[in-house]
Amino acid sequence: MFPTLDPLLHSELRLAVVSLLIGMEEAEFPYIKEQTGATAGNLSVQIEKLSEAGYIEVEKSFKGKRPCTLCRITPEGRKAFEDYVKSLKSYLKVKPTASPR
């Protein structure tokens, strides 16, 4: 009756990262960290999981001597997010029935 929710996106932090990237061309690590309120270590782990799944691309470079991590959503990540939202909406459309007594 209920569609399966993507377990990768069902994590609060990973969902927040993908939600941010959906509306942006790209975002730097400090911006994502600030917006999500995550610790650098936890965010790094979650970004790696999203990257391994092919949901985001991660580009590491340097700005001067400072490291710069740039994240972009992939077409696969966009599709996964859209499917997740669609599945979640179907949960909200279910009308409660009378419970058995």
N, C-alpha and C. Protein backbone atom coordinates (compact mmCIF):
# COMPACT_ATOMS: atom_id res chain seq x y z
N MET A 1 0.81 -1.18 0.00
CA MET A 1 0.00 0.00 0.00
C MET A 1 0.87 1.26 0.00
N PHE A 2 1.90 1.30 0.82
CA PHE A 2 2.78 2.47 0.88
C PHE A 2 4.03 2.20 0.06
N PRO A 3 4.44 3.19 -0.75
CA PRO A 3 5.69 3.01 -1.50
C PRO A 3 6.89 3.08 -0.55
N THR A 4 7.95 2.44 -0.97
CA THR A 4 9.17 2.44 -0.17
C THR A 4 9.84 3.81 -0.29
N LEU A 5 10.30 4.33 0.84
CA LEU A 5 11.05 5.60 0.84
C LEU A 5 12.53 5.27 0.71
N ASP A 6 13.21 5.99 -0.13
CA ASP A 6 14.65 5.80 -0.35
C ASP A 6 15.38 5.94 0.99
N PRO A 7 15.97 4.86 1.50
CA PRO A 7 16.62 4.93 2.81
C PRO A 7 17.81 5.90 2.84
N LEU A 8 18.42 6.13 1.70
CA LEU A 8 19.54 7.08 1.65
C LEU A 8 19.04 8.51 1.89
N LEU A 9 17.88 8.83 1.35
CA LEU A 9 17.33 10.17 1.52
C LEU A 9 16.49 10.31 2.79
N HIS A 10 16.20 9.20 3.42
CA HIS A 10 15.35 9.25 4.61
C HIS A 10 16.12 9.72 5.84
N SER A 11 17.41 9.87 5.71
CA SER A 11 18.24 10.45 6.78
C SER A 11 18.04 11.97 6.76
N GLU A 12 17.82 12.55 7.92
CA GLU A 12 17.54 13.98 8.00
C GLU A 12 18.63 14.85 7.37
N LEU A 13 19.88 14.56 7.68
CA LEU A 13 20.97 15.38 7.16
C LEU A 13 21.16 15.19 5.65
N ARG A 14 21.11 13.95 5.18
CA ARG A 14 21.25 13.72 3.73
C ARG A 14 20.10 14.36 2.96
N LEU A 15 18.89 14.28 3.51
CA LEU A 15 17.74 14.92 2.88
C LEU A 15 17.93 16.44 2.84
N ALA A 16 18.46 17.00 3.91
CA ALA A 16 18.71 18.45 3.96
C ALA A 16 19.74 18.86 2.91
N VAL A 17 20.79 18.09 2.75
CA VAL A 17 21.83 18.40 1.77
C VAL A 17 21.24 18.38 0.36
N VAL A 18 20.51 17.32 0.04
CA VAL A 18 19.92 17.21 -1.30
C VAL A 18 18.88 18.31 -1.51
N SER A 19 18.10 18.62 -0.49
CA SER A 19 17.09 19.69 -0.59
C SER A 19 17.75 21.03 -0.90
N LEU A 20 18.88 21.31 -0.27
CA LEU A 20 19.61 22.54 -0.56
C LEU A 20 20.11 22.56 -1.99
N LEU A 21 20.69 21.46 -2.42
CA LEU A 21 21.30 21.41 -3.74
C LEU A 21 20.28 21.40 -4.87
N ILE A 22 19.07 20.95 -4.61
CA ILE A 22 18.01 20.93 -5.63
C ILE A 22 17.78 22.34 -6.18
N GLY A 23 17.82 23.33 -5.30
CA GLY A 23 17.53 24.69 -5.71
C GLY A 23 18.74 25.52 -6.10
N MET A 24 19.91 24.90 -6.13
CA MET A 24 21.14 25.65 -6.43
C MET A 24 21.93 24.91 -7.50
N GLU A 25 22.72 25.66 -8.21
CA GLU A 25 23.60 25.02 -9.19
C GLU A 25 24.70 24.24 -8.46
N GLU A 26 25.23 24.85 -7.40
CA GLU A 26 26.28 24.23 -6.61
C GLU A 26 26.37 24.94 -5.27
N ALA A 27 27.00 24.28 -4.30
CA ALA A 27 27.17 24.89 -2.97
C ALA A 27 28.48 24.42 -2.37
N GLU A 28 29.14 25.34 -1.68
CA GLU A 28 30.39 25.00 -1.01
C GLU A 28 30.10 24.39 0.36
N PHE A 29 31.02 23.57 0.81
CA PHE A 29 30.88 22.85 2.07
C PHE A 29 30.52 23.77 3.25
N PRO A 30 31.22 24.91 3.44
CA PRO A 30 30.87 25.76 4.59
C PRO A 30 29.42 26.26 4.56
N TYR A 31 28.91 26.54 3.37
CA TYR A 31 27.52 26.98 3.25
C TYR A 31 26.56 25.87 3.66
N ILE A 32 26.82 24.66 3.17
CA ILE A 32 25.96 23.52 3.52
C ILE A 32 26.03 23.27 5.02
N LYS A 33 27.22 23.35 5.58
CA LYS A 33 27.41 23.15 7.02
C LYS A 33 26.62 24.18 7.82
N GLU A 34 26.69 25.42 7.39
CA GLU A 34 25.98 26.50 8.08
C GLU A 34 24.46 26.31 7.99
N GLN A 35 23.98 25.96 6.81
CA GLN A 35 22.54 25.82 6.60
C GLN A 35 21.95 24.62 7.32
N THR A 36 22.73 23.55 7.44
CA THR A 36 22.21 22.33 8.08
C THR A 36 22.49 22.28 9.57
N GLY A 37 23.47 23.06 10.03
CA GLY A 37 23.84 23.02 11.44
C GLY A 37 24.60 21.75 11.82
N ALA A 38 25.08 21.04 10.84
CA ALA A 38 25.81 19.79 11.08
C ALA A 38 27.26 20.06 11.46
N THR A 39 27.86 19.09 12.10
CA THR A 39 29.29 19.18 12.37
C THR A 39 30.03 18.86 11.06
N ALA A 40 31.24 19.35 10.94
CA ALA A 40 32.03 19.10 9.73
C ALA A 40 32.24 17.61 9.50
N GLY A 41 32.52 16.88 10.56
CA GLY A 41 32.77 15.44 10.43
C GLY A 41 31.54 14.69 9.96
N ASN A 42 30.39 14.95 10.59
CA ASN A 42 29.16 14.27 10.20
C ASN A 42 28.77 14.64 8.78
N LEU A 43 28.87 15.91 8.44
CA LEU A 43 28.52 16.35 7.09
C LEU A 43 29.42 15.69 6.05
N SER A 44 30.69 15.59 6.34
CA SER A 44 31.63 14.93 5.41
C SER A 44 31.21 13.49 5.13
N VAL A 45 30.84 12.78 6.18
CA VAL A 45 30.42 11.38 6.04
C VAL A 45 29.16 11.29 5.18
N GLN A 46 28.20 12.17 5.43
CA GLN A 46 26.93 12.10 4.69
C GLN A 46 27.11 12.52 3.23
N ILE A 47 27.95 13.50 3.00
CA ILE A 47 28.25 13.91 1.62
C ILE A 47 28.93 12.76 0.87
N GLU A 48 29.82 12.06 1.54
CA GLU A 48 30.49 10.91 0.92
C GLU A 48 29.47 9.83 0.54
N LYS A 49 28.51 9.57 1.41
CA LYS A 49 27.48 8.56 1.12
C LYS A 49 26.64 8.98 -0.09
N LEU A 50 26.27 10.26 -0.15
CA LEU A 50 25.49 10.74 -1.30
C LEU A 50 26.31 10.68 -2.58
N SER A 51 27.59 10.97 -2.47
CA SER A 51 28.48 10.91 -3.63
C SER A 51 28.65 9.47 -4.12
N GLU A 52 28.86 8.55 -3.20
CA GLU A 52 29.01 7.14 -3.56
C GLU A 52 27.76 6.60 -4.25
N ALA A 53 26.60 7.10 -3.86
CA ALA A 53 25.34 6.67 -4.47
C ALA A 53 25.10 7.33 -5.82
N GLY A 54 25.92 8.33 -6.16
CA GLY A 54 25.77 9.03 -7.42
C GLY A 54 24.73 10.15 -7.37
N TYR A 55 24.30 10.51 -6.18
CA TYR A 55 23.28 11.55 -6.03
C TYR A 55 23.88 12.96 -6.11
N ILE A 56 25.14 13.09 -5.73
CA ILE A 56 25.81 14.39 -5.84
C ILE A 56 27.21 14.18 -6.39
N GLU A 57 27.76 15.24 -6.97
CA GLU A 57 29.15 15.26 -7.40
C GLU A 57 29.90 16.14 -6.41
N VAL A 58 31.10 15.73 -6.08
CA VAL A 58 31.93 16.50 -5.16
C VAL A 58 33.22 16.85 -5.87
N GLU A 59 33.53 18.13 -5.88
CA GLU A 59 34.76 18.61 -6.50
C GLU A 59 35.62 19.26 -5.42
N LYS A 60 36.81 18.75 -5.24
CA LYS A 60 37.73 19.30 -4.24
C LYS A 60 38.85 20.04 -4.95
N SER A 61 39.09 21.25 -4.46
CA SER A 61 40.15 22.07 -5.03
C SER A 61 40.69 22.98 -3.93
N PHE A 62 41.46 23.96 -4.33
CA PHE A 62 41.99 24.94 -3.37
C PHE A 62 41.68 26.34 -3.86
N LYS A 63 41.35 27.21 -2.93
CA LYS A 63 41.24 28.65 -3.19
C LYS A 63 42.41 29.25 -2.44
N GLY A 64 43.46 29.54 -3.20
CA GLY A 64 44.70 29.94 -2.55
C GLY A 64 45.25 28.73 -1.82
N LYS A 65 45.43 28.86 -0.51
CA LYS A 65 45.93 27.73 0.28
C LYS A 65 44.81 27.01 1.04
N ARG A 66 43.59 27.48 0.87
CA ARG A 66 42.46 26.91 1.60
C ARG A 66 41.74 25.86 0.75
N PRO A 67 41.43 24.70 1.34
CA PRO A 67 40.67 23.69 0.59
C PRO A 67 39.25 24.18 0.31
N CYS A 68 38.73 23.78 -0.82
CA CYS A 68 37.38 24.15 -1.23
C CYS A 68 36.66 22.88 -1.71
N THR A 69 35.56 22.54 -1.06
CA THR A 69 34.75 21.40 -1.47
C THR A 69 33.44 21.93 -2.02
N LEU A 70 33.18 21.60 -3.28
CA LEU A 70 32.00 22.08 -3.98
C LEU A 70 31.10 20.88 -4.27
N CYS A 71 29.81 21.01 -3.98
CA CYS A 71 28.86 19.92 -4.20
C CYS A 71 27.81 20.34 -5.22
N ARG A 72 27.45 19.40 -6.09
CA ARG A 72 26.41 19.61 -7.10
C ARG A 72 25.51 18.37 -7.13
N ILE A 73 24.22 18.60 -7.32
CA ILE A 73 23.31 17.47 -7.46
C ILE A 73 23.44 16.91 -8.87
N THR A 74 23.33 15.61 -9.01
CA THR A 74 23.40 14.96 -10.31
C THR A 74 21.97 14.72 -10.82
N PRO A 75 21.82 14.41 -12.10
CA PRO A 75 20.49 14.05 -12.60
C PRO A 75 19.89 12.87 -11.81
N GLU A 76 20.73 11.90 -11.45
CA GLU A 76 20.27 10.76 -10.66
C GLU A 76 19.79 11.21 -9.28
N GLY A 77 20.51 12.15 -8.68
CA GLY A 77 20.11 12.68 -7.38
C GLY A 77 18.82 13.46 -7.47
N ARG A 78 18.65 14.23 -8.52
CA ARG A 78 17.42 15.00 -8.73
C ARG A 78 16.23 14.05 -8.87
N LYS A 79 16.41 12.97 -9.65
CA LYS A 79 15.34 11.98 -9.85
C LYS A 79 15.02 11.28 -8.54
N ALA A 80 16.05 10.92 -7.77
CA ALA A 80 15.82 10.25 -6.48
C ALA A 80 15.04 11.15 -5.53
N PHE A 81 15.39 12.45 -5.52
CA PHE A 81 14.68 13.40 -4.67
C PHE A 81 13.22 13.54 -5.10
N GLU A 82 13.00 13.67 -6.40
CA GLU A 82 11.63 13.79 -6.91
C GLU A 82 10.81 12.55 -6.59
N ASP A 83 11.40 11.37 -6.73
CA ASP A 83 10.70 10.12 -6.39
C ASP A 83 10.41 10.06 -4.89
N TYR A 84 11.35 10.51 -4.09
CA TYR A 84 11.17 10.50 -2.63
C TYR A 84 9.99 11.40 -2.24
N VAL A 85 9.96 12.60 -2.81
CA VAL A 85 8.88 13.55 -2.51
C VAL A 85 7.54 12.98 -2.97
N LYS A 86 7.52 12.38 -4.15
CA LYS A 86 6.29 11.78 -4.67
C LYS A 86 5.81 10.66 -3.74
N SER A 87 6.71 9.82 -3.30
CA SER A 87 6.34 8.73 -2.38
C SER A 87 5.83 9.29 -1.06
N LEU A 88 6.50 10.29 -0.56
CA LEU A 88 6.09 10.90 0.71
C LEU A 88 4.69 11.51 0.59
N LYS A 89 4.42 12.15 -0.53
CA LYS A 89 3.09 12.74 -0.75
C LYS A 89 2.01 11.66 -0.75
N SER A 90 2.33 10.48 -1.26
CA SER A 90 1.33 9.42 -1.28
C SER A 90 0.97 8.97 0.14
N TYR A 91 1.90 9.10 1.07
CA TYR A 91 1.60 8.79 2.46
C TYR A 91 0.58 9.78 3.02
N LEU A 92 0.67 11.02 2.59
CA LEU A 92 -0.22 12.06 3.09
C LEU A 92 -1.62 11.98 2.51
N LYS A 93 -1.76 11.29 1.38
CA LYS A 93 -3.07 11.18 0.73
C LYS A 93 -3.91 10.04 1.29
N VAL A 94 -3.32 9.17 2.07
CA VAL A 94 -4.05 8.02 2.61
C VAL A 94 -5.06 8.53 3.63
N LYS A 95 -6.30 8.14 3.42
CA LYS A 95 -7.36 8.56 4.33
C LYS A 95 -7.49 7.52 5.44
N PRO A 96 -7.56 7.98 6.69
CA PRO A 96 -7.71 7.02 7.78
C PRO A 96 -9.07 6.33 7.69
N THR A 97 -9.07 5.08 8.05
CA THR A 97 -10.33 4.34 8.12
C THR A 97 -10.64 4.09 9.56
N ALA A 98 -11.86 3.71 9.81
CA ALA A 98 -12.26 3.42 11.19
C ALA A 98 -11.43 2.25 11.69
N SER A 99 -10.93 2.37 12.88
CA SER A 99 -10.13 1.28 13.43
C SER A 99 -11.04 0.21 14.01
N PRO A 100 -10.61 -1.04 13.90
CA PRO A 100 -11.44 -2.12 14.46
C PRO A 100 -11.54 -2.01 15.97
N ARG A 101 -12.66 -2.35 16.48
CA ARG A 101 -12.86 -2.28 17.94
C ARG A 101 -12.65 -3.59 18.59
